[in-house]
Structures are given as C-alpha cells and as structure tokens.
PDB file of N, CA and C in Angstrom:
ATOM      1  N   MET A   1     -14.314  47.674 -25.280  1.00  0.00           N
ATOM      2  CA  MET A   1     -15.391  48.437 -24.686  1.00  0.00           C
ATOM      3  C   MET A   1     -14.809  49.554 -23.829  1.00  0.00           C
ATOM      4  N   HIS A   2     -15.257  50.764 -24.092  1.00  0.00           N
ATOM      5  CA  HIS A   2     -14.762  51.920 -23.354  1.00  0.00           C
ATOM      6  C   HIS A   2     -15.273  51.943 -21.923  1.00  0.00           C
ATOM      7  N   THR A   3     -16.433  51.376 -21.673  1.00  0.00           N
ATOM      8  CA  THR A   3     -17.003  51.352 -20.325  1.00  0.00           C
ATOM      9  C   THR A   3     -16.117  50.544 -19.387  1.00  0.00           C
ATOM     10  N   ASN A   4     -15.619  49.421 -19.851  1.00  0.00           N
ATOM     11  CA  ASN A   4     -14.752  48.581 -19.025  1.00  0.00           C
ATOM     12  C   ASN A   4     -13.460  49.294 -18.692  1.00  0.00           C
ATOM     13  N   ARG A   5     -12.894  49.935 -19.684  1.00  0.00           N
ATOM     14  CA  ARG A   5     -11.662  50.690 -19.472  1.00  0.00           C
ATOM     15  C   ARG A   5     -11.895  51.810 -18.460  1.00  0.00           C
ATOM     16  N   LYS A   6     -13.025  52.469 -18.572  1.00  0.00           N
ATOM     17  CA  LYS A   6     -13.364  53.551 -17.644  1.00  0.00           C
ATOM     18  C   LYS A   6     -13.501  53.011 -16.221  1.00  0.00           C
ATOM     19  N   LEU A   7     -14.159  51.859 -16.071  1.00  0.00           N
ATOM     20  CA  LEU A   7     -14.307  51.259 -14.741  1.00  0.00           C
ATOM     21  C   LEU A   7     -12.944  50.934 -14.122  1.00  0.00           C
ATOM     22  N   ILE A   8     -12.068  50.339 -14.898  1.00  0.00           N
ATOM     23  CA  ILE A   8     -10.732  50.007 -14.399  1.00  0.00           C
ATOM     24  C   ILE A   8      -9.960  51.283 -14.072  1.00  0.00           C
ATOM     25  N   SER A   9     -10.123  52.317 -14.877  1.00  0.00           N
ATOM     26  CA  SER A   9      -9.413  53.578 -14.611  1.00  0.00           C
ATOM     27  C   SER A   9      -9.863  54.213 -13.297  1.00  0.00           C
ATOM     28  N   LEU A  10     -11.073  53.892 -12.855  1.00  0.00           N
ATOM     29  CA  LEU A  10     -11.559  54.423 -11.582  1.00  0.00           C
ATOM     30  C   LEU A  10     -10.856  53.792 -10.382  1.00  0.00           C
ATOM     31  N   TRP A  11     -10.091  52.732 -10.602  1.00  0.00           N
ATOM     32  CA  TRP A  11      -9.283  52.142  -9.538  1.00  0.00           C
ATOM     33  C   TRP A  11      -8.122  53.060  -9.166  1.00  0.00           C
ATOM     34  N   ILE A  12      -7.787  53.982 -10.048  1.00  0.00           N
ATOM     35  CA  ILE A  12      -6.658  54.883  -9.832  1.00  0.00           C
ATOM     36  C   ILE A  12      -7.192  56.216  -9.304  1.00  0.00           C
ATOM     37  N   PRO A  13      -6.865  56.569  -8.059  1.00  0.00           N
ATOM     38  CA  PRO A  13      -7.364  57.834  -7.495  1.00  0.00           C
ATOM     39  C   PRO A  13      -6.882  59.037  -8.303  1.00  0.00           C
ATOM     40  N   ASN A  14      -7.732  60.050  -8.416  1.00  0.00           N
ATOM     41  CA  ASN A  14      -7.376  61.257  -9.161  1.00  0.00           C
ATOM     42  C   ASN A  14      -6.398  62.149  -8.416  1.00  0.00           C
ATOM     43  N   GLU A  15      -6.532  62.209  -7.101  1.00  0.00           N
ATOM     44  CA  GLU A  15      -5.681  63.110  -6.342  1.00  0.00           C
ATOM     45  C   GLU A  15      -4.258  62.556  -6.264  1.00  0.00           C
ATOM     46  N   PRO A  16      -3.287  63.415  -6.520  1.00  0.00           N
ATOM     47  CA  PRO A  16      -1.894  62.974  -6.564  1.00  0.00           C
ATOM     48  C   PRO A  16      -1.229  62.939  -5.185  1.00  0.00           C
ATOM     49  N   ASN A  17      -1.992  62.715  -4.122  1.00  0.00           N
ATOM     50  CA  ASN A  17      -1.378  62.714  -2.795  1.00  0.00           C
ATOM     51  C   ASN A  17      -0.585  61.433  -2.578  1.00  0.00           C
ATOM     52  N   LYS A  18       0.178  61.418  -1.526  1.00  0.00           N
ATOM     53  CA  LYS A  18       1.036  60.276  -1.231  1.00  0.00           C
ATOM     54  C   LYS A  18       0.362  59.255  -0.320  1.00  0.00           C
ATOM     55  N   ASP A  19      -0.875  59.502   0.082  1.00  0.00           N
ATOM     56  CA  ASP A  19      -1.578  58.594   0.977  1.00  0.00           C
ATOM     57  C   ASP A  19      -2.033  57.378   0.190  1.00  0.00           C
ATOM     58  N   THR A  20      -1.460  56.236   0.509  1.00  0.00           N
ATOM     59  CA  THR A  20      -1.803  55.017  -0.220  1.00  0.00           C
ATOM     60  C   THR A  20      -2.791  54.154   0.559  1.00  0.00           C
ATOM     61  N   SER A  21      -3.299  54.671   1.651  1.00  0.00           N
ATOM     62  CA  SER A  21      -4.260  53.889   2.432  1.00  0.00           C
ATOM     63  C   SER A  21      -5.642  54.003   1.809  1.00  0.00           C
ATOM     64  N   LEU A  22      -6.455  53.042   2.115  1.00  0.00           N
ATOM     65  CA  LEU A  22      -7.825  53.029   1.604  1.00  0.00           C
ATOM     66  C   LEU A  22      -8.744  53.546   2.701  1.00  0.00           C
ATOM     67  N   ASN A  23      -9.072  54.830   2.650  1.00  0.00           N
ATOM     68  CA  ASN A  23      -9.997  55.338   3.646  1.00  0.00           C
ATOM     69  C   ASN A  23     -11.409  54.870   3.304  1.00  0.00           C
ATOM     70  N   ASN A  24     -12.348  55.101   4.213  1.00  0.00           N
ATOM     71  CA  ASN A  24     -13.713  54.587   4.017  1.00  0.00           C
ATOM     72  C   ASN A  24     -14.368  55.105   2.753  1.00  0.00           C
ATOM     73  N   GLU A  25     -14.146  56.373   2.447  1.00  0.00           N
ATOM     74  CA  GLU A  25     -14.767  56.968   1.262  1.00  0.00           C
ATOM     75  C   GLU A  25     -14.263  56.289  -0.007  1.00  0.00           C
ATOM     76  N   ILE A  26     -12.955  56.142  -0.129  1.00  0.00           N
ATOM     77  CA  ILE A  26     -12.366  55.489  -1.296  1.00  0.00           C
ATOM     78  C   ILE A  26     -12.802  54.025  -1.333  1.00  0.00           C
ATOM     79  N   SER A  27     -12.770  53.375  -0.185  1.00  0.00           N
ATOM     80  CA  SER A  27     -13.149  51.969  -0.112  1.00  0.00           C
ATOM     81  C   SER A  27     -14.596  51.748  -0.559  1.00  0.00           C
ATOM     82  N   ASN A  28     -15.502  52.622  -0.156  1.00  0.00           N
ATOM     83  CA  ASN A  28     -16.909  52.503  -0.566  1.00  0.00           C
ATOM     84  C   ASN A  28     -17.071  52.713  -2.065  1.00  0.00           C
ATOM     85  N   GLU A  29     -16.364  53.689  -2.613  1.00  0.00           N
ATOM     86  CA  GLU A  29     -16.422  53.933  -4.058  1.00  0.00           C
ATOM     87  C   GLU A  29     -15.901  52.722  -4.828  1.00  0.00           C
ATOM     88  N   LEU A  30     -14.801  52.172  -4.360  1.00  0.00           N
ATOM     89  CA  LEU A  30     -14.220  51.020  -5.036  1.00  0.00           C
ATOM     90  C   LEU A  30     -15.127  49.802  -4.942  1.00  0.00           C
ATOM     91  N   GLU A  31     -15.814  49.653  -3.830  1.00  0.00           N
ATOM     92  CA  GLU A  31     -16.738  48.527  -3.667  1.00  0.00           C
ATOM     93  C   GLU A  31     -17.861  48.595  -4.709  1.00  0.00           C
ATOM     94  N   VAL A  32     -18.380  49.791  -4.949  1.00  0.00           N
ATOM     95  CA  VAL A  32     -19.429  49.975  -5.956  1.00  0.00           C
ATOM     96  C   VAL A  32     -18.881  49.643  -7.345  1.00  0.00           C
ATOM     97  N   ILE A  33     -17.673  50.078  -7.623  1.00  0.00           N
ATOM     98  CA  ILE A  33     -17.040  49.796  -8.914  1.00  0.00           C
ATOM     99  C   ILE A  33     -16.889  48.285  -9.096  1.00  0.00           C
ATOM    100  N   HIS A  34     -16.445  47.603  -8.060  1.00  0.00           N
ATOM    101  CA  HIS A  34     -16.271  46.149  -8.148  1.00  0.00           C
ATOM    102  C   HIS A  34     -17.609  45.427  -8.322  1.00  0.00           C
ATOM    103  N   GLN A  35     -18.627  45.903  -7.649  1.00  0.00           N
ATOM    104  CA  GLN A  35     -19.948  45.284  -7.807  1.00  0.00           C
ATOM    105  C   GLN A  35     -20.435  45.419  -9.251  1.00  0.00           C
ATOM    106  N   LEU A  36     -20.249  46.588  -9.812  1.00  0.00           N
ATOM    107  CA  LEU A  36     -20.659  46.826 -11.196  1.00  0.00           C
ATOM    108  C   LEU A  36     -19.833  45.969 -12.158  1.00  0.00           C
ATOM    109  N   LEU A  37     -18.545  45.917 -11.932  1.00  0.00           N
ATOM    110  CA  LEU A  37     -17.673  45.106 -12.783  1.00  0.00           C
ATOM    111  C   LEU A  37     -18.049  43.625 -12.698  1.00  0.00           C
ATOM    112  N   GLU A  38     -18.345  43.173 -11.512  1.00  0.00           N
ATOM    113  CA  GLU A  38     -18.762  41.771 -11.352  1.00  0.00           C
ATOM    114  C   GLU A  38     -20.044  41.485 -12.127  1.00  0.00           C
ATOM    115  N   LYS A  39     -21.002  42.405 -12.065  1.00  0.00           N
ATOM    116  CA  LYS A  39     -22.257  42.222 -12.802  1.00  0.00           C
ATOM    117  C   LYS A  39     -22.015  42.187 -14.307  1.00  0.00           C
ATOM    118  N   ILE A  40     -21.173  43.076 -14.778  1.00  0.00           N
ATOM    119  CA  ILE A  40     -20.854  43.102 -16.210  1.00  0.00           C
ATOM    120  C   ILE A  40     -20.209  41.790 -16.626  1.00  0.00           C
ATOM    121  N   LEU A  41     -19.250  41.310 -15.832  1.00  0.00           N
ATOM    122  CA  LEU A  41     -18.571  40.055 -16.164  1.00  0.00           C
ATOM    123  C   LEU A  41     -19.515  38.853 -16.116  1.00  0.00           C
ATOM    124  N   ASN A  42     -20.499  38.904 -15.246  1.00  0.00           N
ATOM    125  CA  ASN A  42     -21.474  37.809 -15.172  1.00  0.00           C
ATOM    126  C   ASN A  42     -22.441  37.821 -16.352  1.00  0.00           C
ATOM    127  N   VAL A  43     -22.807  39.008 -16.805  1.00  0.00           N
ATOM    128  CA  VAL A  43     -23.797  39.130 -17.878  1.00  0.00           C
ATOM    129  C   VAL A  43     -23.151  39.017 -19.262  1.00  0.00           C
ATOM    130  N   ILE A  44     -21.927  39.550 -19.373  1.00  0.00           N
ATOM    131  CA  ILE A  44     -21.252  39.575 -20.676  1.00  0.00           C
ATOM    132  C   ILE A  44     -19.877  38.897 -20.540  1.00  0.00           C
ATOM    133  N   PRO A  45     -19.830  37.586 -20.547  1.00  0.00           N
ATOM    134  CA  PRO A  45     -18.547  36.888 -20.371  1.00  0.00           C
ATOM    135  C   PRO A  45     -17.511  37.220 -21.450  1.00  0.00           C
ATOM    136  N   MET A  46     -17.957  37.650 -22.611  1.00  0.00           N
ATOM    137  CA  MET A  46     -17.030  37.976 -23.704  1.00  0.00           C
ATOM    138  C   MET A  46     -16.184  39.211 -23.409  1.00  0.00           C
ATOM    139  N   VAL A  47     -16.499  39.930 -22.361  1.00  0.00           N
ATOM    140  CA  VAL A  47     -15.787  41.148 -22.008  1.00  0.00           C
ATOM    141  C   VAL A  47     -14.460  40.836 -21.289  1.00  0.00           C
ATOM    142  N   PHE A  48     -14.233  39.578 -20.997  1.00  0.00           N
ATOM    143  CA  PHE A  48     -13.043  39.118 -20.282  1.00  0.00           C
ATOM    144  C   PHE A  48     -11.747  39.692 -20.877  1.00  0.00           C
ATOM    145  N   ASP A  49     -11.548  39.534 -22.184  1.00  0.00           N
ATOM    146  CA  ASP A  49     -10.317  40.005 -22.836  1.00  0.00           C
ATOM    147  C   ASP A  49     -10.184  41.523 -22.770  1.00  0.00           C
ATOM    148  N   ALA A  50     -11.292  42.220 -22.914  1.00  0.00           N
ATOM    149  CA  ALA A  50     -11.245  43.687 -22.844  1.00  0.00           C
ATOM    150  C   ALA A  50     -10.839  44.140 -21.446  1.00  0.00           C
ATOM    151  N   ILE A  51     -11.305  43.429 -20.431  1.00  0.00           N
ATOM    152  CA  ILE A  51     -10.929  43.748 -19.046  1.00  0.00           C
ATOM    153  C   ILE A  51      -9.435  43.506 -18.852  1.00  0.00           C
ATOM    154  N   LEU A  52      -8.933  42.392 -19.357  1.00  0.00           N
ATOM    155  CA  LEU A  52      -7.507  42.093 -19.237  1.00  0.00           C
ATOM    156  C   LEU A  52      -6.656  43.158 -19.929  1.00  0.00           C
ATOM    157  N   ASP A  53      -7.060  43.565 -21.108  1.00  0.00           N
ATOM    158  CA  ASP A  53      -6.340  44.624 -21.827  1.00  0.00           C
ATOM    159  C   ASP A  53      -6.327  45.919 -21.025  1.00  0.00           C
ATOM    160  N   ALA A  54      -7.470  46.273 -20.460  1.00  0.00           N
ATOM    161  CA  ALA A  54      -7.565  47.511 -19.670  1.00  0.00           C
ATOM    162  C   ALA A  54      -6.704  47.427 -18.417  1.00  0.00           C
ATOM    163  N   ILE A  55      -6.728  46.290 -17.751  1.00  0.00           N
ATOM    164  CA  ILE A  55      -5.931  46.121 -16.533  1.00  0.00           C
ATOM    165  C   ILE A  55      -4.452  46.330 -16.827  1.00  0.00           C
ATOM    166  N   GLU A  56      -3.978  45.720 -17.892  1.00  0.00           N
ATOM    167  CA  GLU A  56      -2.550  45.838 -18.217  1.00  0.00           C
ATOM    168  C   GLU A  56      -2.194  47.246 -18.698  1.00  0.00           C
ATOM    169  N   SER A  57      -2.991  47.808 -19.567  1.00  0.00           N
ATOM    170  CA  SER A  57      -2.642  49.115 -20.133  1.00  0.00           C
ATOM    171  C   SER A  57      -2.761  50.251 -19.120  1.00  0.00           C
ATOM    172  N   LEU A  58      -3.611  50.082 -18.118  1.00  0.00           N
ATOM    173  CA  LEU A  58      -3.795  51.144 -17.125  1.00  0.00           C
ATOM    174  C   LEU A  58      -2.942  50.953 -15.868  1.00  0.00           C
ATOM    175  N   PHE A  59      -2.160  49.886 -15.824  1.00  0.00           N
ATOM    176  CA  PHE A  59      -1.334  49.635 -14.639  1.00  0.00           C
ATOM    177  C   PHE A  59      -0.435  50.847 -14.404  1.00  0.00           C
ATOM    178  N   PRO A  60      -0.523  51.452 -13.218  1.00  0.00           N
ATOM    179  CA  PRO A  60       0.234  52.687 -12.977  1.00  0.00           C
ATOM    180  C   PRO A  60       1.735  52.445 -12.831  1.00  0.00           C
ATOM    181  N   TYR A  61       2.481  53.480 -13.110  1.00  0.00           N
ATOM    182  CA  TYR A  61       3.926  53.453 -12.918  1.00  0.00           C
ATOM    183  C   TYR A  61       4.203  53.215 -11.439  1.00  0.00           C
ATOM    184  N   TYR A  62       5.193  52.392 -11.126  1.00  0.00           N
ATOM    185  CA  TYR A  62       5.402  51.967  -9.747  1.00  0.00           C
ATOM    186  C   TYR A  62       5.733  53.092  -8.772  1.00  0.00           C
ATOM    187  N   LYS A  63       6.173  54.233  -9.246  1.00  0.00           N
ATOM    188  CA  LYS A  63       6.490  55.335  -8.333  1.00  0.00           C
ATOM    189  C   LYS A  63       5.273  56.186  -7.998  1.00  0.00           C
ATOM    190  N   ARG A  64       4.151  55.909  -8.629  1.00  0.00           N
ATOM    191  CA  ARG A  64       2.924  56.658  -8.321  1.00  0.00           C
ATOM    192  C   ARG A  64       2.286  56.092  -7.065  1.00  0.00           C
ATOM    193  N   SER A  65       1.685  56.964  -6.289  1.00  0.00           N
ATOM    194  CA  SER A  65       1.061  56.527  -5.035  1.00  0.00           C
ATOM    195  C   SER A  65      -0.121  55.594  -5.284  1.00  0.00           C
ATOM    196  N   SER A  66      -0.687  55.627  -6.457  1.00  0.00           N
ATOM    197  CA  SER A  66      -1.840  54.782  -6.781  1.00  0.00           C
ATOM    198  C   SER A  66      -1.458  53.322  -7.018  1.00  0.00           C
ATOM    199  N   TYR A  67      -0.181  53.028  -7.098  1.00  0.00           N
ATOM    200  CA  TYR A  67       0.310  51.676  -7.374  1.00  0.00           C
ATOM    201  C   TYR A  67      -0.254  50.655  -6.379  1.00  0.00           C
ATOM    202  N   ILE A  68      -0.204  50.974  -5.097  1.00  0.00           N
ATOM    203  CA  ILE A  68      -0.660  50.053  -4.054  1.00  0.00           C
ATOM    204  C   ILE A  68      -2.173  49.861  -4.128  1.00  0.00           C
ATOM    205  N   ILE A  69      -2.900  50.937  -4.335  1.00  0.00           N
ATOM    206  CA  ILE A  69      -4.357  50.843  -4.434  1.00  0.00           C
ATOM    207  C   ILE A  69      -4.744  50.014  -5.659  1.00  0.00           C
ATOM    208  N   TYR A  70      -4.035  50.182  -6.750  1.00  0.00           N
ATOM    209  CA  TYR A  70      -4.313  49.411  -7.961  1.00  0.00           C
ATOM    210  C   TYR A  70      -4.108  47.914  -7.704  1.00  0.00           C
ATOM    211  N   ILE A  71      -3.014  47.573  -7.032  1.00  0.00           N
ATOM    212  CA  ILE A  71      -2.748  46.167  -6.704  1.00  0.00           C
ATOM    213  C   ILE A  71      -3.842  45.630  -5.773  1.00  0.00           C
ATOM    214  N   HIS A  72      -4.251  46.443  -4.823  1.00  0.00           N
ATOM    215  CA  HIS A  72      -5.351  46.057  -3.934  1.00  0.00           C
ATOM    216  C   HIS A  72      -6.596  45.703  -4.764  1.00  0.00           C
ATOM    217  N   ASN A  73      -6.892  46.508  -5.754  1.00  0.00           N
ATOM    218  CA  ASN A  73      -8.062  46.268  -6.601  1.00  0.00           C
ATOM    219  C   ASN A  73      -7.905  45.016  -7.461  1.00  0.00           C
ATOM    220  N   LEU A  74      -6.710  44.735  -7.906  1.00  0.00           N
ATOM    221  CA  LEU A  74      -6.475  43.495  -8.656  1.00  0.00           C
ATOM    222  C   LEU A  74      -6.767  42.284  -7.770  1.00  0.00           C
ATOM    223  N   LEU A  75      -6.309  42.344  -6.532  1.00  0.00           N
ATOM    224  CA  LEU A  75      -6.552  41.237  -5.607  1.00  0.00           C
ATOM    225  C   LEU A  75      -8.031  41.130  -5.244  1.00  0.00           C
ATOM    226  N   LYS A  76      -8.696  42.262  -5.141  1.00  0.00           N
ATOM    227  CA  LYS A  76     -10.136  42.276  -4.880  1.00  0.00           C
ATOM    228  C   LYS A  76     -10.879  41.611  -6.044  1.00  0.00           C
ATOM    229  N   LEU A  77     -10.458  41.892  -7.260  1.00  0.00           N
ATOM    230  CA  LEU A  77     -11.059  41.276  -8.440  1.00  0.00           C
ATOM    231  C   LEU A  77     -10.980  39.747  -8.358  1.00  0.00           C
ATOM    232  N   LEU A  78      -9.867  39.241  -7.860  1.00  0.00           N
ATOM    233  CA  LEU A  78      -9.686  37.795  -7.757  1.00  0.00           C
ATOM    234  C   LEU A  78     -10.646  37.163  -6.756  1.00  0.00           C
ATOM    235  N   GLU A  79     -11.133  37.941  -5.797  1.00  0.00           N
ATOM    236  CA  GLU A  79     -12.082  37.406  -4.819  1.00  0.00           C
ATOM    237  C   GLU A  79     -13.386  36.963  -5.486  1.00  0.00           C
ATOM    238  N   TYR A  80     -13.855  37.735  -6.446  1.00  0.00           N
ATOM    239  CA  TYR A  80     -15.127  37.388  -7.072  1.00  0.00           C
ATOM    240  C   TYR A  80     -14.987  36.831  -8.489  1.00  0.00           C
ATOM    241  N   LYS A  81     -13.806  36.913  -9.069  1.00  0.00           N
ATOM    242  CA  LYS A  81     -13.573  36.333 -10.399  1.00  0.00           C
ATOM    243  C   LYS A  81     -12.216  35.619 -10.413  1.00  0.00           C
ATOM    244  N   PRO A  82     -12.144  34.456  -9.780  1.00  0.00           N
ATOM    245  CA  PRO A  82     -10.861  33.741  -9.722  1.00  0.00           C
ATOM    246  C   PRO A  82     -10.336  33.298 -11.084  1.00  0.00           C
ATOM    247  N   ILE A  83     -11.156  33.371 -12.109  1.00  0.00           N
ATOM    248  CA  ILE A  83     -10.689  33.017 -13.451  1.00  0.00           C
ATOM    249  C   ILE A  83      -9.536  33.929 -13.903  1.00  0.00           C
ATOM    250  N   PHE A  84      -9.423  35.104 -13.303  1.00  0.00           N
ATOM    251  CA  PHE A  84      -8.353  36.047 -13.638  1.00  0.00           C
ATOM    252  C   PHE A  84      -7.035  35.732 -12.920  1.00  0.00           C
ATOM    253  N   THR A  85      -7.022  34.760 -12.030  1.00  0.00           N
ATOM    254  CA  THR A  85      -5.872  34.534 -11.147  1.00  0.00           C
ATOM    255  C   THR A  85      -4.557  34.372 -11.886  1.00  0.00           C
ATOM    256  N   GLU A  86      -4.497  33.460 -12.838  1.00  0.00           N
ATOM    257  CA  GLU A  86      -3.232  33.212 -13.534  1.00  0.00           C
ATOM    258  C   GLU A  86      -2.704  34.494 -14.196  1.00  0.00           C
ATOM    259  N   TYR A  87      -3.576  35.187 -14.887  1.00  0.00           N
ATOM    260  CA  TYR A  87      -3.177  36.412 -15.583  1.00  0.00           C
ATOM    261  C   TYR A  87      -2.704  37.477 -14.591  1.00  0.00           C
ATOM    262  N   ILE A  88      -3.460  37.694 -13.522  1.00  0.00           N
ATOM    263  CA  ILE A  88      -3.133  38.745 -12.550  1.00  0.00           C
ATOM    264  C   ILE A  88      -1.827  38.432 -11.835  1.00  0.00           C
ATOM    265  N   ILE A  89      -1.639  37.187 -11.427  1.00  0.00           N
ATOM    266  CA  ILE A  89      -0.396  36.810 -10.742  1.00  0.00           C
ATOM    267  C   ILE A  89       0.795  37.002 -11.670  1.00  0.00           C
ATOM    268  N   ARG A  90       0.651  36.606 -12.927  1.00  0.00           N
ATOM    269  CA  ARG A  90       1.743  36.789 -13.891  1.00  0.00           C
ATOM    270  C   ARG A  90       2.044  38.279 -14.090  1.00  0.00           C
ATOM    271  N   LEU A  91       1.001  39.085 -14.224  1.00  0.00           N
ATOM    272  CA  LEU A  91       1.182  40.525 -14.395  1.00  0.00           C
ATOM    273  C   LEU A  91       1.864  41.141 -13.170  1.00  0.00           C
ATOM    274  N   LEU A  92       1.418  40.761 -11.986  1.00  0.00           N
ATOM    275  CA  LEU A  92       2.033  41.292 -10.760  1.00  0.00           C
ATOM    276  C   LEU A  92       3.502  40.883 -10.664  1.00  0.00           C
ATOM    277  N   MET A  93       3.820  39.662 -11.032  1.00  0.00           N
ATOM    278  CA  MET A  93       5.223  39.218 -10.991  1.00  0.00           C
ATOM    279  C   MET A  93       6.083  40.031 -11.962  1.00  0.00           C
ATOM    280  N   GLU A  94       5.543  40.306 -13.145  1.00  0.00           N
ATOM    281  CA  GLU A  94       6.273  41.132 -14.112  1.00  0.00           C
ATOM    282  C   GLU A  94       6.521  42.529 -13.554  1.00  0.00           C
ATOM    283  N   LYS A  95       5.473  43.119 -12.979  1.00  0.00           N
ATOM    284  CA  LYS A  95       5.587  44.480 -12.446  1.00  0.00           C
ATOM    285  C   LYS A  95       6.507  44.531 -11.232  1.00  0.00           C
ATOM    286  N   LEU A  96       6.456  43.509 -10.385  1.00  0.00           N
ATOM    287  CA  LEU A  96       7.330  43.480  -9.218  1.00  0.00           C
ATOM    288  C   LEU A  96       8.782  43.236  -9.620  1.00  0.00           C
ATOM    289  N   ALA A  97       8.995  42.484 -10.686  1.00  0.00           N
ATOM    290  CA  ALA A  97      10.355  42.287 -11.192  1.00  0.00           C
ATOM    291  C   ALA A  97      10.931  43.610 -11.684  1.00  0.00           C
ATOM    292  N   ILE A  98      10.123  44.402 -12.340  1.00  0.00           N
ATOM    293  CA  ILE A  98      10.564  45.728 -12.789  1.00  0.00           C
ATOM    294  C   ILE A  98      10.893  46.594 -11.584  1.00  0.00           C
ATOM    295  N   LEU A  99      10.060  46.527 -10.573  1.00  0.00           N
ATOM    296  CA  LEU A  99      10.292  47.282  -9.349  1.00  0.00           C
ATOM    297  C   LEU A  99      11.618  46.867  -8.719  1.00  0.00           C
ATOM    298  N   ASP A 100      11.884  45.564  -8.684  1.00  0.00           N
ATOM    299  CA  ASP A 100      13.120  45.050  -8.102  1.00  0.00           C
ATOM    300  C   ASP A 100      14.340  45.509  -8.899  1.00  0.00           C
ATOM    301  N   VAL A 101      14.255  45.461 -10.212  1.00  0.00           N
ATOM    302  CA  VAL A 101      15.372  45.865 -11.067  1.00  0.00           C
ATOM    303  C   VAL A 101      15.661  47.354 -10.920  1.00  0.00           C
ATOM    304  N   ASP A 102      14.612  48.146 -10.753  1.00  0.00           N
ATOM    305  CA  ASP A 102      14.781  49.592 -10.653  1.00  0.00           C
ATOM    306  C   ASP A 102      15.128  50.087  -9.248  1.00  0.00           C
ATOM    307  N   ALA A 103      15.091  49.197  -8.269  1.00  0.00           N
ATOM    308  CA  ALA A 103      15.392  49.607  -6.893  1.00  0.00           C
ATOM    309  C   ALA A 103      16.874  49.970  -6.784  1.00  0.00           C
ATOM    310  N   PRO A 104      17.176  51.112  -6.157  1.00  0.00           N
ATOM    311  CA  PRO A 104      18.580  51.501  -5.994  1.00  0.00           C
ATOM    312  C   PRO A 104      19.334  50.480  -5.140  1.00  0.00           C
ATOM    313  N   ARG A 105      20.456  50.022  -5.622  1.00  0.00           N
ATOM    314  CA  ARG A 105      21.247  48.988  -4.956  1.00  0.00           C
ATOM    315  C   ARG A 105      21.629  49.395  -3.536  1.00  0.00           C
ATOM    316  N   ARG A 106      21.960  50.652  -3.357  1.00  0.00           N
ATOM    317  CA  ARG A 106      22.385  51.136  -2.034  1.00  0.00           C
ATOM    318  C   ARG A 106      21.245  50.998  -1.010  1.00  0.00           C
ATOM    319  N   GLU A 107      20.021  51.310  -1.426  1.00  0.00           N
ATOM    320  CA  GLU A 107      18.878  51.188  -0.519  1.00  0.00           C
ATOM    321  C   GLU A 107      18.657  49.730  -0.114  1.00  0.00           C
ATOM    322  N   ILE A 108      18.809  48.812  -1.049  1.00  0.00           N
ATOM    323  CA  ILE A 108      18.645  47.392  -0.754  1.00  0.00           C
ATOM    324  C   ILE A 108      19.695  46.949   0.250  1.00  0.00           C
ATOM    325  N   GLU A 109      20.949  47.356   0.023  1.00  0.00           N
ATOM    326  CA  GLU A 109      22.022  46.984   0.942  1.00  0.00           C
ATOM    327  C   GLU A 109      21.782  47.562   2.332  1.00  0.00           C
ATOM    328  N   ASP A 110      21.300  48.805   2.398  1.00  0.00           N
ATOM    329  CA  ASP A 110      21.002  49.430   3.692  1.00  0.00           C
ATOM    330  C   ASP A 110      19.905  48.671   4.422  1.00  0.00           C
ATOM    331  N   LEU A 111      18.857  48.279   3.697  1.00  0.00           N
ATOM    332  CA  LEU A 111      17.758  47.530   4.310  1.00  0.00           C
ATOM    333  C   LEU A 111      18.227  46.156   4.783  1.00  0.00           C
ATOM    334  N   GLU A 112      19.056  45.493   3.985  1.00  0.00           N
ATOM    335  CA  GLU A 112      19.580  44.191   4.393  1.00  0.00           C
ATOM    336  C   GLU A 112      20.466  44.333   5.618  1.00  0.00           C
ATOM    337  N   SER A 113      21.242  45.389   5.669  1.00  0.00           N
ATOM    338  CA  SER A 113      22.098  45.657   6.823  1.00  0.00           C
ATOM    339  C   SER A 113      21.259  45.890   8.075  1.00  0.00           C
ATOM    340  N   ASP A 114      20.168  46.652   7.930  1.00  0.00           N
ATOM    341  CA  ASP A 114      19.262  46.894   9.061  1.00  0.00           C
ATOM    342  C   ASP A 114      18.641  45.591   9.551  1.00  0.00           C
ATOM    343  N   ASP A 115      18.254  44.720   8.623  1.00  0.00           N
ATOM    344  CA  ASP A 115      17.667  43.426   8.989  1.00  0.00           C
ATOM    345  C   ASP A 115      18.674  42.570   9.746  1.00  0.00           C
ATOM    346  N   ASP A 116      19.923  42.564   9.285  1.00  0.00           N
ATOM    347  CA  ASP A 116      20.959  41.787   9.955  1.00  0.00           C
ATOM    348  C   ASP A 116      21.192  42.298  11.368  1.00  0.00           C
ATOM    349  N   ASN A 117      21.182  43.615  11.538  1.00  0.00           N
ATOM    350  CA  ASN A 117      21.378  44.200  12.862  1.00  0.00           C
ATOM    351  C   ASN A 117      20.241  43.832  13.809  1.00  0.00           C
ATOM    352  N   GLU A 118      19.015  43.820  13.323  1.00  0.00           N
ATOM    353  CA  GLU A 118      17.859  43.468  14.147  1.00  0.00           C
ATOM    354  C   GLU A 118      17.916  41.997  14.563  1.00  0.00           C
ATOM    355  N   GLU A 119      18.349  41.132  13.677  1.00  0.00           N
ATOM    356  CA  GLU A 119      18.430  39.704  13.973  1.00  0.00           C
ATOM    357  C   GLU A 119      19.493  39.395  15.015  1.00  0.00           C
ATOM    358  N   SER A 120      20.576  40.158  15.021  1.00  0.00           N
ATOM    359  CA  SER A 120      21.666  39.897  15.957  1.00  0.00           C
ATOM    360  C   SER A 120      21.379  40.439  17.360  1.00  0.00           C
ATOM    361  N   GLU A 121      20.372  41.273  17.495  1.00  0.00           N
ATOM    362  CA  GLU A 121      20.049  41.844  18.807  1.00  0.00           C
ATOM    363  C   GLU A 121      19.261  40.909  19.667  1.00  0.00           C
TER     364      GLU A 121
END
C-alpha cells in the first residue's frame, strides 16, 4: 500500500538541517501521523507486513540528521502497537551495529580516553 509508505516517509523531515530535536511543530505533525497510522493498523490488520517493509526500506542513512527522529518514531510506534517490538528492536540492533562498524576508530579511542580521564578525577 502506497499510503502506508507515504505515512512512514513523513517521519523523515524534509529540511536538511542538522537540528535533530523535536520542536513542538514537528512533534504535533508526528502525533497526527501516528494517530492515523494507529487507526489504519486497527482497522486493517493485514497492513502489518506493508508497514514493516516501509519501515525497513525508508530507514535513513545514519549520517542524516533525520536518523534520530526516525528512531524516535519507531519507539513511538511501539507505544501503541507493541506487536512490532521484536521486529523494531532487531532492526535497530542491525542499524546500530552498522553505525558501530562505521565509527572511526580514532574517535572511539578519544571518547574512551575522555571517559577514563573523567573517572579518575
């Protein structure tokens, strides 16, 4: 269903800014999207697989600022449709593993060094 894919795509902000916070305007828009998605899932349970396909195929590249907002929306989905929990957690673990593998080794070492310095103080 193209409508489901469109709804999930609305989780990704159009503006390419670096602000990953959820301001009130974005939060209100997302709330309406979630309410509509919840109604669709309640009325048409067969749409479950189409939603899962859309969630996975539209997952943003981790370097995009929309990555955090998208994850926020996945967790919001779990609040009203816990049936998605296993799938969403598995998907997030896969995506976070990719993020971990792609993280520059030097940055990780620097962060670990900073943590060690803070603990010793």
